[in-house]
Amino acid sequence: RISLFESLSFDEQKELISKAQHLDFQKGDAVFHEKDPADKIMVIRYG
């Protein structure tokens, strides 16, 4: 869904996503907080 990784093959994208966390949230839930470790990129699937 994002141009950043569009040059990757399907298998390369699949490899990247297989190691990712896929999380769902409700209104008001915190995805992360200020000062948390900066060790990941967040991609919005919906909402």
All heavy atoms as atom14 arrays in JSON, in Angstrom:
{
  "sequence": "RISLFESLSFDEQKELISKAQHLDFQKGDAVFHEKDPADKIMVIRYG",
  "atom14_mask": [
    [1, 1, 1, 1, 1, 1, 1, 1, 1, 1, 1, 0, 0, 0],
    [1, 1, 1, 1, 1, 1, 1, 1, 0, 0, 0, 0, 0, 0],
    [1, 1, 1, 1, 1, 1, 0, 0, 0, 0, 0, 0, 0, 0],
    [1, 1, 1, 1, 1, 1, 1, 1, 0, 0, 0, 0, 0, 0],
    [1, 1, 1, 1, 1, 1, 1, 1, 1, 1, 1, 0, 0, 0],
    [1, 1, 1, 1, 1, 1, 1, 1, 1, 0, 0, 0, 0, 0],
    [1, 1, 1, 1, 1, 1, 0, 0, 0, 0, 0, 0, 0, 0],
    [1, 1, 1, 1, 1, 1, 1, 1, 0, 0, 0, 0, 0, 0],
    [1, 1, 1, 1, 1, 1, 0, 0, 0, 0, 0, 0, 0, 0],
    [1, 1, 1, 1, 1, 1, 1, 1, 1, 1, 1, 0, 0, 0],
    [1, 1, 1, 1, 1, 1, 1, 1, 0, 0, 0, 0, 0, 0],
    [1, 1, 1, 1, 1, 1, 1, 1, 1, 0, 0, 0, 0, 0],
    [1, 1, 1, 1, 1, 1, 1, 1, 1, 0, 0, 0, 0, 0],
    [1, 1, 1, 1, 1, 1, 1, 1, 1, 0, 0, 0, 0, 0],
    [1, 1, 1, 1, 1, 1, 1, 1, 1, 0, 0, 0, 0, 0],
    [1, 1, 1, 1, 1, 1, 1, 1, 0, 0, 0, 0, 0, 0],
    [1, 1, 1, 1, 1, 1, 1, 1, 0, 0, 0, 0, 0, 0],
    [1, 1, 1, 1, 1, 1, 0, 0, 0, 0, 0, 0, 0, 0],
    [1, 1, 1, 1, 1, 1, 1, 1, 1, 0, 0, 0, 0, 0],
    [1, 1, 1, 1, 1, 0, 0, 0, 0, 0, 0, 0, 0, 0],
    [1, 1, 1, 1, 1, 1, 1, 1, 1, 0, 0, 0, 0, 0],
    [1, 1, 1, 1, 1, 1, 1, 1, 1, 1, 0, 0, 0, 0],
    [1, 1, 1, 1, 1, 1, 1, 1, 0, 0, 0, 0, 0, 0],
    [1, 1, 1, 1, 1, 1, 1, 1, 0, 0, 0, 0, 0, 0],
    [1, 1, 1, 1, 1, 1, 1, 1, 1, 1, 1, 0, 0, 0],
    [1, 1, 1, 1, 1, 1, 1, 1, 1, 0, 0, 0, 0, 0],
    [1, 1, 1, 1, 1, 1, 1, 1, 1, 0, 0, 0, 0, 0],
    [1, 1, 1, 1, 0, 0, 0, 0, 0, 0, 0, 0, 0, 0],
    [1, 1, 1, 1, 1, 1, 1, 1, 0, 0, 0, 0, 0, 0],
    [1, 1, 1, 1, 1, 0, 0, 0, 0, 0, 0, 0, 0, 0],
    [1, 1, 1, 1, 1, 1, 1, 0, 0, 0, 0, 0, 0, 0],
    [1, 1, 1, 1, 1, 1, 1, 1, 1, 1, 1, 0, 0, 0],
    [1, 1, 1, 1, 1, 1, 1, 1, 1, 1, 0, 0, 0, 0],
    [1, 1, 1, 1, 1, 1, 1, 1, 1, 0, 0, 0, 0, 0],
    [1, 1, 1, 1, 1, 1, 1, 1, 1, 0, 0, 0, 0, 0],
    [1, 1, 1, 1, 1, 1, 1, 1, 0, 0, 0, 0, 0, 0],
    [1, 1, 1, 1, 1, 1, 1, 0, 0, 0, 0, 0, 0, 0],
    [1, 1, 1, 1, 1, 0, 0, 0, 0, 0, 0, 0, 0, 0],
    [1, 1, 1, 1, 1, 1, 1, 1, 0, 0, 0, 0, 0, 0],
    [1, 1, 1, 1, 1, 1, 1, 1, 1, 0, 0, 0, 0, 0],
    [1, 1, 1, 1, 1, 1, 1, 1, 0, 0, 0, 0, 0, 0],
    [1, 1, 1, 1, 1, 1, 1, 1, 0, 0, 0, 0, 0, 0],
    [1, 1, 1, 1, 1, 1, 1, 0, 0, 0, 0, 0, 0, 0],
    [1, 1, 1, 1, 1, 1, 1, 1, 0, 0, 0, 0, 0, 0],
    [1, 1, 1, 1, 1, 1, 1, 1, 1, 1, 1, 0, 0, 0],
    [1, 1, 1, 1, 1, 1, 1, 1, 1, 1, 1, 1, 0, 0],
    [1, 1, 1, 1, 0, 0, 0, 0, 0, 0, 0, 0, 0, 0]
  ],
  "atom14_positions": [
    [[0.81, -1.22, 0.0], [0.0, 0.0, 0.0], [0.85, 1.27, 0.0], [0.3, 2.36, -0.1], [-0.91, 0.02, 1.24], [-1.81, -1.19, 1.35], [-2.73, -1.07, 2.53], [-3.54, -2.28, 2.69], [-4.65, -2.34, 3.38], [-5.11, -1.27, 3.98], [-5.32, -3.46, 3.49], [0.0, 0.0, 0.0], [0.0, 0.0, 0.0], [0.0, 0.0, 0.0]],
    [[2.14, 1.15, 0.18], [2.96, 2.34, 0.27], [4.1, 2.29, -0.74], [4.67, 1.23, -1.01], [3.53, 2.55, 1.7], [4.35, 1.36, 2.15], [2.41, 2.82, 2.68], [4.99, 1.55, 3.49], [0.0, 0.0, 0.0], [0.0, 0.0, 0.0], [0.0, 0.0, 0.0], [0.0, 0.0, 0.0], [0.0, 0.0, 0.0], [0.0, 0.0, 0.0]],
    [[4.4, 3.44, -1.32], [5.38, 3.52, -2.4], [6.78, 3.17, -1.93], [7.63, 2.76, -2.73], [5.39, 4.93, -2.99], [5.72, 5.89, -2.01], [0.0, 0.0, 0.0], [0.0, 0.0, 0.0], [0.0, 0.0, 0.0], [0.0, 0.0, 0.0], [0.0, 0.0, 0.0], [0.0, 0.0, 0.0], [0.0, 0.0, 0.0], [0.0, 0.0, 0.0]],
    [[7.03, 3.31, -0.62], [8.35, 3.07, -0.09], [8.88, 1.68, -0.44], [10.06, 1.49, -0.71], [8.31, 3.24, 1.44], [9.62, 3.2, 2.2], [10.54, 4.31, 1.74], [9.36, 3.3, 3.69], [0.0, 0.0, 0.0], [0.0, 0.0, 0.0], [0.0, 0.0, 0.0], [0.0, 0.0, 0.0], [0.0, 0.0, 0.0], [0.0, 0.0, 0.0]],
    [[7.98, 0.68, -0.45], [8.4, -0.7, -0.67], [7.93, -1.26, -2.01], [7.97, -2.47, -2.22], [7.88, -1.58, 0.47], [8.37, -1.18, 1.83], [7.49, -0.69, 2.79], [9.71, -1.26, 2.15], [7.95, -0.31, 4.05], [10.17, -0.89, 3.41], [9.29, -0.41, 4.36], [0.0, 0.0, 0.0], [0.0, 0.0, 0.0], [0.0, 0.0, 0.0]],
    [[7.48, -0.39, -2.91], [6.9, -0.89, -4.15], [7.93, -1.58, -5.05], [7.58, -2.39, -5.9], [6.22, 0.25, -4.92], [7.18, 1.32, -5.39], [6.45, 2.5, -6.04], [5.21, 2.51, -6.04], [7.14, 3.39, -6.54], [0.0, 0.0, 0.0], [0.0, 0.0, 0.0], [0.0, 0.0, 0.0], [0.0, 0.0, 0.0], [0.0, 0.0, 0.0]],
    [[9.24, -1.27, -4.84], [10.26, -1.9, -5.67], [10.58, -3.33, -5.22], [11.26, -4.08, -5.93], [11.55, -1.07, -5.65], [12.08, -0.98, -4.34], [0.0, 0.0, 0.0], [0.0, 0.0, 0.0], [0.0, 0.0, 0.0], [0.0, 0.0, 0.0], [0.0, 0.0, 0.0], [0.0, 0.0, 0.0], [0.0, 0.0, 0.0], [0.0, 0.0, 0.0]],
    [[10.08, -3.72, -4.06], [10.32, -5.08, -3.57], [9.44, -6.08, -4.3], [8.3, -5.77, -4.66], [10.02, -5.16, -2.07], [10.87, -4.33, -1.12], [10.43, -4.57, 0.31], [12.34, -4.64, -1.28], [0.0, 0.0, 0.0], [0.0, 0.0, 0.0], [0.0, 0.0, 0.0], [0.0, 0.0, 0.0], [0.0, 0.0, 0.0], [0.0, 0.0, 0.0]],
    [[9.97, -7.27, -4.51], [9.16, -8.34, -5.09], [8.12, -8.78, -4.06], [8.21, -8.45, -2.87], [10.04, -9.53, -5.47], [10.55, -10.15, -4.29], [0.0, 0.0, 0.0], [0.0, 0.0, 0.0], [0.0, 0.0, 0.0], [0.0, 0.0, 0.0], [0.0, 0.0, 0.0], [0.0, 0.0, 0.0], [0.0, 0.0, 0.0], [0.0, 0.0, 0.0]],
    [[7.14, -9.54, -4.53], [6.11, -10.04, -3.62], [6.73, -10.87, -2.51], [6.37, -10.74, -1.34], [5.1, -10.89, -4.4], [4.02, -11.48, -3.53], [2.91, -10.74, -3.16], [4.13, -12.78, -3.06], [1.92, -11.28, -2.34], [3.15, -13.33, -2.25], [2.05, -12.58, -1.89], [0.0, 0.0, 0.0], [0.0, 0.0, 0.0], [0.0, 0.0, 0.0]],
    [[7.7, -11.72, -2.86], [8.33, -12.57, -1.85], [9.11, -11.74, -0.83], [9.12, -12.06, 0.36], [9.27, -13.58, -2.52], [8.5, -14.69, -3.24], [7.32, -14.89, -2.91], [9.08, -15.33, -4.14], [0.0, 0.0, 0.0], [0.0, 0.0, 0.0], [0.0, 0.0, 0.0], [0.0, 0.0, 0.0], [0.0, 0.0, 0.0], [0.0, 0.0, 0.0]],
    [[9.76, -10.66, -1.29], [10.5, -9.8, -0.37], [9.55, -9.07, 0.57], [9.82, -8.93, 1.77], [11.35, -8.8, -1.16], [12.58, -9.45, -1.81], [13.28, -8.51, -2.78], [12.61, -7.67, -3.41], [14.51, -8.62, -2.9], [0.0, 0.0, 0.0], [0.0, 0.0, 0.0], [0.0, 0.0, 0.0], [0.0, 0.0, 0.0], [0.0, 0.0, 0.0]],
    [[8.43, -8.6, 0.02], [7.43, -7.95, 0.87], [6.86, -8.95, 1.87], [6.67, -8.63, 3.05], [6.31, -7.37, 0.01], [6.74, -6.19, -0.84], [5.55, -5.53, -1.52], [4.49, -5.4, -0.95], [5.76, -5.09, -2.76], [0.0, 0.0, 0.0], [0.0, 0.0, 0.0], [0.0, 0.0, 0.0], [0.0, 0.0, 0.0], [0.0, 0.0, 0.0]],
    [[6.61, -10.15, 1.4], [6.05, -11.19, 2.27], [7.01, -11.51, 3.41], [6.59, -11.69, 4.56], [5.75, -12.44, 1.44], [4.9, -13.47, 2.15], [4.51, -14.59, 1.2], [3.66, -15.64, 1.91], [3.3, -16.74, 0.99], [0.0, 0.0, 0.0], [0.0, 0.0, 0.0], [0.0, 0.0, 0.0], [0.0, 0.0, 0.0], [0.0, 0.0, 0.0]],
    [[8.3, -11.54, 3.08], [9.32, -11.81, 4.1], [9.32, -10.71, 5.16], [9.39, -10.98, 6.37], [10.69, -11.91, 3.45], [11.84, -12.13, 4.44], [13.2, -12.03, 3.78], [13.27, -12.01, 2.53], [14.2, -11.97, 4.52], [0.0, 0.0, 0.0], [0.0, 0.0, 0.0], [0.0, 0.0, 0.0], [0.0, 0.0, 0.0], [0.0, 0.0, 0.0]],
    [[9.22, -9.47, 4.7], [9.22, -8.33, 5.63], [8.0, -8.36, 6.53], [8.1, -8.18, 7.75], [9.26, -7.03, 4.81], [9.73, -5.76, 5.51], [11.12, -5.91, 6.09], [9.69, -4.6, 4.52], [0.0, 0.0, 0.0], [0.0, 0.0, 0.0], [0.0, 0.0, 0.0], [0.0, 0.0, 0.0], [0.0, 0.0, 0.0], [0.0, 0.0, 0.0]],
    [[6.84, -8.63, 5.94], [5.58, -8.63, 6.7], [5.5, -9.82, 7.64], [4.89, -9.74, 8.72], [4.38, -8.61, 5.72], [4.3, -7.25, 5.04], [3.09, -8.91, 6.45], [4.19, -6.09, 5.99], [0.0, 0.0, 0.0], [0.0, 0.0, 0.0], [0.0, 0.0, 0.0], [0.0, 0.0, 0.0], [0.0, 0.0, 0.0], [0.0, 0.0, 0.0]],
    [[6.12, -10.94, 7.27], [6.06, -12.13, 8.13], [6.72, -11.88, 9.48], [6.42, -12.55, 10.47], [6.73, -13.32, 7.43], [8.13, -13.12, 7.34], [0.0, 0.0, 0.0], [0.0, 0.0, 0.0], [0.0, 0.0, 0.0], [0.0, 0.0, 0.0], [0.0, 0.0, 0.0], [0.0, 0.0, 0.0], [0.0, 0.0, 0.0], [0.0, 0.0, 0.0]],
    [[7.62, -10.89, 9.53], [8.32, -10.56, 10.77], [7.66, -9.4, 11.51], [8.12, -9.0, 12.59], [9.78, -10.22, 10.47], [10.54, -11.36, 9.79], [11.92, -10.9, 9.36], [12.66, -12.02, 8.63], [13.99, -11.58, 8.14], [0.0, 0.0, 0.0], [0.0, 0.0, 0.0], [0.0, 0.0, 0.0], [0.0, 0.0, 0.0], [0.0, 0.0, 0.0]],
    [[6.6, -8.84, 10.91], [5.95, -7.66, 11.5], [4.87, -8.06, 12.5], [4.42, -9.21, 12.54], [5.34, -6.81, 10.39], [0.0, 0.0, 0.0], [0.0, 0.0, 0.0], [0.0, 0.0, 0.0], [0.0, 0.0, 0.0], [0.0, 0.0, 0.0], [0.0, 0.0, 0.0], [0.0, 0.0, 0.0], [0.0, 0.0, 0.0], [0.0, 0.0, 0.0]],
    [[4.46, -7.08, 13.31], [3.31, -7.25, 14.19], [2.09, -6.65, 13.51], [2.17, -5.54, 12.98], [3.54, -6.55, 15.53], [4.52, -7.22, 16.45], [4.6, -6.5, 17.78], [4.81, -5.29, 17.82], [4.45, -7.22, 18.87], [0.0, 0.0, 0.0], [0.0, 0.0, 0.0], [0.0, 0.0, 0.0], [0.0, 0.0, 0.0], [0.0, 0.0, 0.0]],
    [[0.97, -7.36, 13.54], [-0.28, -6.88, 12.95], [-1.29, -6.72, 14.09], [-1.75, -7.69, 14.66], [-0.79, -7.85, 11.88], [0.28, -8.31, 10.94], [0.87, -7.47, 10.02], [0.89, -9.51, 10.8], [1.78, -8.14, 9.33], [1.82, -9.38, 9.79], [0.0, 0.0, 0.0], [0.0, 0.0, 0.0], [0.0, 0.0, 0.0], [0.0, 0.0, 0.0]],
    [[-1.6, -5.46, 14.42], [-2.4, -5.17, 15.61], [-3.65, -4.38, 15.25], [-3.64, -3.58, 14.32], [-1.58, -4.37, 16.62], [-0.27, -5.02, 17.1], [0.51, -4.03, 17.96], [-0.55, -6.3, 17.88], [0.0, 0.0, 0.0], [0.0, 0.0, 0.0], [0.0, 0.0, 0.0], [0.0, 0.0, 0.0], [0.0, 0.0, 0.0], [0.0, 0.0, 0.0]],
    [[-4.72, -4.61, 16.01], [-5.96, -3.86, 15.87], [-6.23, -3.1, 17.17], [-5.92, -3.57, 18.26], [-7.13, -4.79, 15.55], [-6.98, -5.47, 14.2], [-6.79, -4.75, 13.2], [-7.03, -6.71, 14.16], [0.0, 0.0, 0.0], [0.0, 0.0, 0.0], [0.0, 0.0, 0.0], [0.0, 0.0, 0.0], [0.0, 0.0, 0.0], [0.0, 0.0, 0.0]],
    [[-6.85, -1.9, 17.02], [-7.07, -1.03, 18.17], [-8.49, -0.48, 18.17], [-9.16, -0.43, 17.14], [-6.09, 0.15, 18.15], [-4.65, -0.25, 18.27], [-3.89, -0.51, 17.14], [-4.05, -0.36, 19.51], [-2.56, -0.88, 17.25], [-2.72, -0.73, 19.64], [-1.97, -0.98, 18.5], [0.0, 0.0, 0.0], [0.0, 0.0, 0.0], [0.0, 0.0, 0.0]],
    [[-8.92, -0.05, 19.35], [-10.19, 0.66, 19.51], [-9.89, 2.13, 19.79], [-8.74, 2.52, 20.04], [-10.99, 0.06, 20.68], [-11.35, -1.39, 20.49], [-12.24, -1.63, 19.28], [-13.21, -0.89, 19.07], [-11.92, -2.65, 18.49], [0.0, 0.0, 0.0], [0.0, 0.0, 0.0], [0.0, 0.0, 0.0], [0.0, 0.0, 0.0], [0.0, 0.0, 0.0]],
    [[-10.92, 2.96, 19.74], [-10.76, 4.4, 19.96], [-10.08, 4.67, 21.31], [-10.49, 4.12, 22.34], [-12.12, 5.1, 19.91], [-12.02, 6.62, 20.06], [-13.38, 7.28, 19.89], [-13.26, 8.79, 20.01], [-14.57, 9.47, 19.83], [0.0, 0.0, 0.0], [0.0, 0.0, 0.0], [0.0, 0.0, 0.0], [0.0, 0.0, 0.0], [0.0, 0.0, 0.0]],
    [[-9.07, 5.51, 21.28], [-8.38, 5.9, 22.5], [-7.21, 5.02, 22.88], [-6.42, 5.37, 23.78], [0.0, 0.0, 0.0], [0.0, 0.0, 0.0], [0.0, 0.0, 0.0], [0.0, 0.0, 0.0], [0.0, 0.0, 0.0], [0.0, 0.0, 0.0], [0.0, 0.0, 0.0], [0.0, 0.0, 0.0], [0.0, 0.0, 0.0], [0.0, 0.0, 0.0]],
    [[-7.06, 3.87, 22.22], [-5.93, 2.99, 22.53], [-4.62, 3.62, 22.09], [-4.55, 4.27, 21.04], [-6.07, 1.64, 21.8], [-7.16, 0.76, 22.37], [-7.6, 1.04, 23.51], [-7.56, -0.21, 21.7], [0.0, 0.0, 0.0], [0.0, 0.0, 0.0], [0.0, 0.0, 0.0], [0.0, 0.0, 0.0], [0.0, 0.0, 0.0], [0.0, 0.0, 0.0]],
    [[-3.58, 3.41, 22.86], [-2.25, 3.9, 22.51], [-1.52, 2.84, 21.7], [-1.42, 1.69, 22.12], [-1.46, 4.24, 23.77], [0.0, 0.0, 0.0], [0.0, 0.0, 0.0], [0.0, 0.0, 0.0], [0.0, 0.0, 0.0], [0.0, 0.0, 0.0], [0.0, 0.0, 0.0], [0.0, 0.0, 0.0], [0.0, 0.0, 0.0], [0.0, 0.0, 0.0]],
    [[-1.01, 3.25, 20.53], [-0.19, 2.35, 19.72], [1.23, 2.36, 20.26], [1.88, 1.32, 20.38], [-0.2, 2.78, 18.24], [0.6, 1.79, 17.39], [-1.64, 2.89, 17.72], [0.0, 0.0, 0.0], [0.0, 0.0, 0.0], [0.0, 0.0, 0.0], [0.0, 0.0, 0.0], [0.0, 0.0, 0.0], [0.0, 0.0, 0.0], [0.0, 0.0, 0.0]],
    [[1.73, 3.54, 20.58], [3.01, 3.68, 21.27], [3.04, 5.01, 22.0], [2.17, 5.87, 21.8], [4.2, 3.53, 20.31], [4.19, 4.47, 19.13], [4.46, 5.82, 19.26], [3.95, 3.98, 17.85], [4.47, 6.68, 18.16], [3.95, 4.82, 16.75], [4.21, 6.17, 16.91], [0.0, 0.0, 0.0], [0.0, 0.0, 0.0], [0.0, 0.0, 0.0]],
    [[4.04, 5.18, 22.86], [4.16, 6.39, 23.66], [5.48, 7.1, 23.36], [6.47, 6.48, 22.94], [4.12, 6.06, 25.16], [2.83, 5.49, 25.62], [2.59, 4.13, 25.69], [1.68, 6.09, 26.02], [1.37, 3.91, 26.12], [0.79, 5.08, 26.33], [0.0, 0.0, 0.0], [0.0, 0.0, 0.0], [0.0, 0.0, 0.0], [0.0, 0.0, 0.0]],
    [[5.46, 8.41, 23.59], [6.69, 9.19, 23.52], [7.74, 8.56, 24.45], [7.42, 8.12, 25.54], [6.38, 10.63, 23.95], [7.53, 11.59, 23.83], [7.15, 13.0, 24.27], [5.97, 13.21, 24.62], [8.02, 13.87, 24.26], [0.0, 0.0, 0.0], [0.0, 0.0, 0.0], [0.0, 0.0, 0.0], [0.0, 0.0, 0.0], [0.0, 0.0, 0.0]],
    [[8.97, 8.5, 23.96], [10.12, 7.93, 24.68], [10.18, 6.4, 24.58], [11.11, 5.79, 25.13], [10.16, 8.35, 26.15], [10.16, 9.86, 26.38], [11.32, 10.55, 25.7], [11.33, 12.04, 26.0], [12.4, 12.76, 25.27], [0.0, 0.0, 0.0], [0.0, 0.0, 0.0], [0.0, 0.0, 0.0], [0.0, 0.0, 0.0], [0.0, 0.0, 0.0]],
    [[9.19, 5.75, 23.93], [9.34, 4.32, 23.65], [10.52, 4.11, 22.7], [10.9, 5.04, 21.96], [8.06, 3.77, 22.99], [6.95, 3.49, 23.98], [7.2, 3.61, 25.2], [5.83, 3.15, 23.54], [0.0, 0.0, 0.0], [0.0, 0.0, 0.0], [0.0, 0.0, 0.0], [0.0, 0.0, 0.0], [0.0, 0.0, 0.0], [0.0, 0.0, 0.0]],
    [[11.11, 2.92, 22.68], [12.22, 2.66, 21.76], [11.81, 2.9, 20.3], [10.72, 2.48, 19.87], [12.54, 1.18, 22.0], [12.04, 0.9, 23.38], [10.82, 1.76, 23.55], [0.0, 0.0, 0.0], [0.0, 0.0, 0.0], [0.0, 0.0, 0.0], [0.0, 0.0, 0.0], [0.0, 0.0, 0.0], [0.0, 0.0, 0.0], [0.0, 0.0, 0.0]],
    [[12.67, 3.58, 19.56], [12.39, 3.88, 18.14], [12.93, 2.75, 17.29], [13.94, 2.88, 16.61], [13.02, 5.22, 17.76], [0.0, 0.0, 0.0], [0.0, 0.0, 0.0], [0.0, 0.0, 0.0], [0.0, 0.0, 0.0], [0.0, 0.0, 0.0], [0.0, 0.0, 0.0], [0.0, 0.0, 0.0], [0.0, 0.0, 0.0], [0.0, 0.0, 0.0]],
    [[12.25, 1.62, 17.34], [12.77, 0.42, 16.68], [11.83, -0.16, 15.64], [11.99, -1.29, 15.2], [13.08, -0.65, 17.73], [11.85, -1.07, 18.54], [10.79, -0.43, 18.39], [11.97, -2.02, 19.33], [0.0, 0.0, 0.0], [0.0, 0.0, 0.0], [0.0, 0.0, 0.0], [0.0, 0.0, 0.0], [0.0, 0.0, 0.0], [0.0, 0.0, 0.0]],
    [[10.83, 0.62, 15.21], [9.87, 0.08, 14.23], [9.2, 1.19, 13.43], [9.18, 2.35, 13.86], [8.81, -0.77, 14.95], [8.06, -0.04, 16.04], [7.1, -0.97, 16.78], [7.79, -1.92, 17.7], [8.32, -1.26, 18.92], [0.0, 0.0, 0.0], [0.0, 0.0, 0.0], [0.0, 0.0, 0.0], [0.0, 0.0, 0.0], [0.0, 0.0, 0.0]],
    [[8.68, 0.83, 12.27], [7.85, 1.72, 11.46], [6.4, 1.25, 11.6], [6.12, 0.05, 11.57], [8.28, 1.69, 9.98], [9.51, 2.57, 9.76], [7.15, 2.17, 9.07], [9.96, 2.61, 8.32], [0.0, 0.0, 0.0], [0.0, 0.0, 0.0], [0.0, 0.0, 0.0], [0.0, 0.0, 0.0], [0.0, 0.0, 0.0], [0.0, 0.0, 0.0]],
    [[5.5, 2.21, 11.75], [4.07, 1.9, 11.83], [3.4, 2.19, 10.48], [3.51, 3.29, 9.96], [3.41, 2.75, 12.92], [1.9, 2.62, 12.98], [1.16, 3.64, 14.29], [1.56, 5.31, 13.71], [0.0, 0.0, 0.0], [0.0, 0.0, 0.0], [0.0, 0.0, 0.0], [0.0, 0.0, 0.0], [0.0, 0.0, 0.0], [0.0, 0.0, 0.0]],
    [[2.74, 1.19, 9.92], [1.97, 1.34, 8.68], [0.49, 1.21, 9.02], [0.1, 0.26, 9.71], [2.36, 0.28, 7.63], [1.53, 0.45, 6.36], [3.84, 0.35, 7.31], [0.0, 0.0, 0.0], [0.0, 0.0, 0.0], [0.0, 0.0, 0.0], [0.0, 0.0, 0.0], [0.0, 0.0, 0.0], [0.0, 0.0, 0.0], [0.0, 0.0, 0.0]],
    [[-0.32, 2.16, 8.57], [-1.76, 2.14, 8.89], [-2.48, 1.23, 7.89], [-2.49, 1.5, 6.7], [-2.37, 3.55, 8.84], [-1.48, 4.57, 9.54], [-3.78, 3.53, 9.44], [-1.16, 4.24, 10.97], [0.0, 0.0, 0.0], [0.0, 0.0, 0.0], [0.0, 0.0, 0.0], [0.0, 0.0, 0.0], [0.0, 0.0, 0.0], [0.0, 0.0, 0.0]],
    [[-3.08, 0.16, 8.39], [-3.86, -0.75, 7.54], [-5.25, -0.19, 7.29], [-5.78, -0.26, 6.18], [-3.99, -2.13, 8.19], [-2.67, -2.87, 8.25], [-2.75, -4.28, 8.8], [-4.04, -4.79, 9.17], [-4.42, -5.01, 10.44], [-3.63, -4.72, 11.45], [-5.6, -5.51, 10.69], [0.0, 0.0, 0.0], [0.0, 0.0, 0.0], [0.0, 0.0, 0.0]],
    [[-5.89, 0.34, 8.33], [-7.2, 0.97, 8.2], [-7.42, 1.87, 9.4], [-6.74, 1.75, 10.41], [-8.32, -0.08, 8.08], [-8.54, -0.9, 9.33], [-9.46, -0.49, 10.31], [-7.85, -2.1, 9.54], [-9.67, -1.25, 11.46], [-8.05, -2.85, 10.68], [-8.97, -2.43, 11.63], [-9.16, -3.17, 12.77], [0.0, 0.0, 0.0], [0.0, 0.0, 0.0]],
    [[-8.36, 2.8, 9.26], [-8.66, 3.72, 10.35], [-7.73, 4.93, 10.36], [-7.01, 5.2, 9.39], [0.0, 0.0, 0.0], [0.0, 0.0, 0.0], [0.0, 0.0, 0.0], [0.0, 0.0, 0.0], [0.0, 0.0, 0.0], [0.0, 0.0, 0.0], [0.0, 0.0, 0.0], [0.0, 0.0, 0.0], [0.0, 0.0, 0.0], [0.0, 0.0, 0.0]]
  ]
}
